[in-house]
Amino acid sequence: MGKSRGYVCWTTEEEDALRMGVVKHGLGAWEIVRKDPDFSLLAHRSGVQLKDKFRNLVKFRHVSLEEARALKPKGSGPWSKKLSASGFTRAT
């Protein structure tokens, strides 16, 4: 059986970088955020880890309603549907 990977806790700096990356690149652009040199702090995380962490930030209200409303989805992917279903509408 292979070795299991140890869990590495997220730092506040990583969470902030993730939030800023989503603001810059949009929801669902996890690999783009991860590879962006402005967010090199996230380079050791996988795209799935970024997605899961952001989902939990939203779920546990670590992302404010105003911040969530300002976010743009990467495209027509599942995050755009989840935002509209959760009542988050973009301010016009």
C-alpha atoms as a PDB file:
ATOM      1  CA  MET A   1       0.000   0.000   0.000  1.00  0.00           C
ATOM      2  CA  GLY A   2       1.301   3.483  -0.845  1.00  0.00           C
ATOM      3  CA  LYS A   3       2.070   6.233   1.584  1.00  0.00           C
ATOM      4  CA  SER A   4      -0.746   8.605   2.404  1.00  0.00           C
ATOM      5  CA  ARG A   5      -0.094  12.287   2.163  1.00  0.00           C
ATOM      6  CA  GLY A   6      -0.111  14.255   5.357  1.00  0.00           C
ATOM      7  CA  TYR A   7      -2.584  17.060   5.807  1.00  0.00           C
ATOM      8  CA  VAL A   8      -1.061  20.521   5.608  1.00  0.00           C
ATOM      9  CA  CYS A   9      -3.181  23.153   7.328  1.00  0.00           C
ATOM     10  CA  TRP A  10      -4.035  26.297   5.394  1.00  0.00           C
ATOM     11  CA  THR A  11      -2.432  29.503   6.615  1.00  0.00           C
ATOM     12  CA  THR A  12      -4.233  32.821   6.748  1.00  0.00           C
ATOM     13  CA  GLU A  13      -1.895  34.058   4.017  1.00  0.00           C
ATOM     14  CA  GLU A  14      -2.895  31.151   1.750  1.00  0.00           C
ATOM     15  CA  GLU A  15      -6.599  31.815   2.357  1.00  0.00           C
ATOM     16  CA  ASP A  16      -6.102  35.498   1.508  1.00  0.00           C
ATOM     17  CA  ALA A  17      -4.163  34.570  -1.644  1.00  0.00           C
ATOM     18  CA  LEU A  18      -6.966  32.212  -2.665  1.00  0.00           C
ATOM     19  CA  ARG A  19      -9.587  34.944  -2.194  1.00  0.00           C
ATOM     20  CA  MET A  20      -7.517  37.417  -4.220  1.00  0.00           C
ATOM     21  CA  GLY A  21      -6.909  34.796  -6.919  1.00  0.00           C
ATOM     22  CA  VAL A  22     -10.620  34.155  -7.296  1.00  0.00           C
ATOM     23  CA  VAL A  23     -11.289  37.890  -7.504  1.00  0.00           C
ATOM     24  CA  LYS A  24      -8.612  38.227 -10.212  1.00  0.00           C
ATOM     25  CA  HIS A  25      -9.365  35.098 -12.287  1.00  0.00           C
ATOM     26  CA  GLY A  26     -12.956  34.155 -11.407  1.00  0.00           C
ATOM     27  CA  LEU A  27     -14.607  31.149  -9.819  1.00  0.00           C
ATOM     28  CA  GLY A  28     -13.563  27.836 -11.293  1.00  0.00           C
ATOM     29  CA  ALA A  29     -10.150  28.983 -12.576  1.00  0.00           C
ATOM     30  CA  TRP A  30      -8.378  26.944  -9.911  1.00  0.00           C
ATOM     31  CA  GLU A  31      -5.355  25.863 -11.976  1.00  0.00           C
ATOM     32  CA  ILE A  32      -4.898  29.380 -13.344  1.00  0.00           C
ATOM     33  CA  VAL A  33      -4.899  30.779  -9.804  1.00  0.00           C
ATOM     34  CA  ARG A  34      -2.493  28.077  -8.669  1.00  0.00           C
ATOM     35  CA  LYS A  35      -0.025  28.802 -11.486  1.00  0.00           C
ATOM     36  CA  ASP A  36      -0.253  32.615 -11.273  1.00  0.00           C
ATOM     37  CA  PRO A  37       3.100  34.031 -10.055  1.00  0.00           C
ATOM     38  CA  ASP A  38       1.188  36.614  -7.987  1.00  0.00           C
ATOM     39  CA  PHE A  39      -0.116  33.734  -5.887  1.00  0.00           C
ATOM     40  CA  SER A  40       3.021  31.579  -5.693  1.00  0.00           C
ATOM     41  CA  LEU A  41       2.037  30.779  -2.119  1.00  0.00           C
ATOM     42  CA  LEU A  42      -0.561  28.391  -3.604  1.00  0.00           C
ATOM     43  CA  ALA A  43       1.765  26.589  -6.025  1.00  0.00           C
ATOM     44  CA  HIS A  44       2.130  23.542  -3.737  1.00  0.00           C
ATOM     45  CA  ARG A  45      -1.664  23.117  -3.538  1.00  0.00           C
ATOM     46  CA  SER A  46      -3.671  21.248  -6.173  1.00  0.00           C
ATOM     47  CA  GLY A  47      -6.560  22.773  -8.081  1.00  0.00           C
ATOM     48  CA  VAL A  48      -8.909  20.437  -6.213  1.00  0.00           C
ATOM     49  CA  GLN A  49      -7.559  21.683  -2.878  1.00  0.00           C
ATOM     50  CA  LEU A  50      -8.191  25.284  -3.962  1.00  0.00           C
ATOM     51  CA  LYS A  51     -11.745  24.423  -5.025  1.00  0.00           C
ATOM     52  CA  ASP A  52     -12.492  22.561  -1.806  1.00  0.00           C
ATOM     53  CA  LYS A  53     -11.023  25.274   0.391  1.00  0.00           C
ATOM     54  CA  PHE A  54     -12.966  28.028  -1.362  1.00  0.00           C
ATOM     55  CA  ARG A  55     -16.165  25.989  -1.129  1.00  0.00           C
ATOM     56  CA  ASN A  56     -15.615  25.701   2.628  1.00  0.00           C
ATOM     57  CA  LEU A  57     -14.825  29.416   2.965  1.00  0.00           C
ATOM     58  CA  VAL A  58     -18.194  30.161   1.349  1.00  0.00           C
ATOM     59  CA  LYS A  59     -20.024  27.459   3.303  1.00  0.00           C
ATOM     60  CA  PHE A  60     -18.778  28.630   6.683  1.00  0.00           C
ATOM     61  CA  ARG A  61     -19.242  32.326   5.845  1.00  0.00           C
ATOM     62  CA  HIS A  62     -15.566  33.261   5.782  1.00  0.00           C
ATOM     63  CA  VAL A  63     -16.395  35.011   2.523  1.00  0.00           C
ATOM     64  CA  SER A  64     -18.717  37.968   3.081  1.00  0.00           C
ATOM     65  CA  LEU A  65     -21.959  38.381   1.175  1.00  0.00           C
ATOM     66  CA  GLU A  66     -20.590  41.510  -0.511  1.00  0.00           C
ATOM     67  CA  GLU A  67     -17.424  39.688  -1.553  1.00  0.00           C
ATOM     68  CA  ALA A  68     -19.389  36.715  -2.902  1.00  0.00           C
ATOM     69  CA  ARG A  69     -21.708  38.984  -4.907  1.00  0.00           C
ATOM     70  CA  ALA A  70     -18.731  40.668  -6.561  1.00  0.00           C
ATOM     71  CA  LEU A  71     -17.203  37.395  -7.776  1.00  0.00           C
ATOM     72  CA  LYS A  72     -17.458  36.438 -11.401  1.00  0.00           C
ATOM     73  CA  PRO A  73     -17.582  32.835 -12.564  1.00  0.00           C
ATOM     74  CA  LYS A  74     -14.844  31.707 -14.938  1.00  0.00           C
ATOM     75  CA  GLY A  75     -17.490  30.854 -17.502  1.00  0.00           C
ATOM     76  CA  SER A  76     -20.618  28.785 -17.630  1.00  0.00           C
ATOM     77  CA  GLY A  77     -19.286  26.092 -15.338  1.00  0.00           C
ATOM     78  CA  PRO A  78     -20.789  24.666 -12.166  1.00  0.00           C
ATOM     79  CA  TRP A  79     -19.730  27.616  -9.971  1.00  0.00           C
ATOM     80  CA  SER A  80     -21.925  30.032 -11.889  1.00  0.00           C
ATOM     81  CA  LYS A  81     -24.889  27.708 -11.298  1.00  0.00           C
ATOM     82  CA  LYS A  82     -24.046  27.266  -7.604  1.00  0.00           C
ATOM     83  CA  LEU A  83     -23.797  31.008  -7.027  1.00  0.00           C
ATOM     84  CA  SER A  84     -27.159  31.699  -8.633  1.00  0.00           C
ATOM     85  CA  ALA A  85     -28.787  28.780  -6.790  1.00  0.00           C
ATOM     86  CA  SER A  86     -27.454  29.990  -3.433  1.00  0.00           C
ATOM     87  CA  GLY A  87     -29.010  33.422  -3.866  1.00  0.00           C
ATOM     88  CA  PHE A  88     -25.773  35.244  -4.621  1.00  0.00           C
ATOM     89  CA  THR A  89     -26.530  37.632  -7.416  1.00  0.00           C
ATOM     90  CA  ARG A  90     -24.048  39.978  -8.954  1.00  0.00           C
ATOM     91  CA  ALA A  91     -24.539  43.612  -8.148  1.00  0.00           C
ATOM     92  CA  THR A  92     -25.191  45.644 -11.270  1.00  0.00           C
END
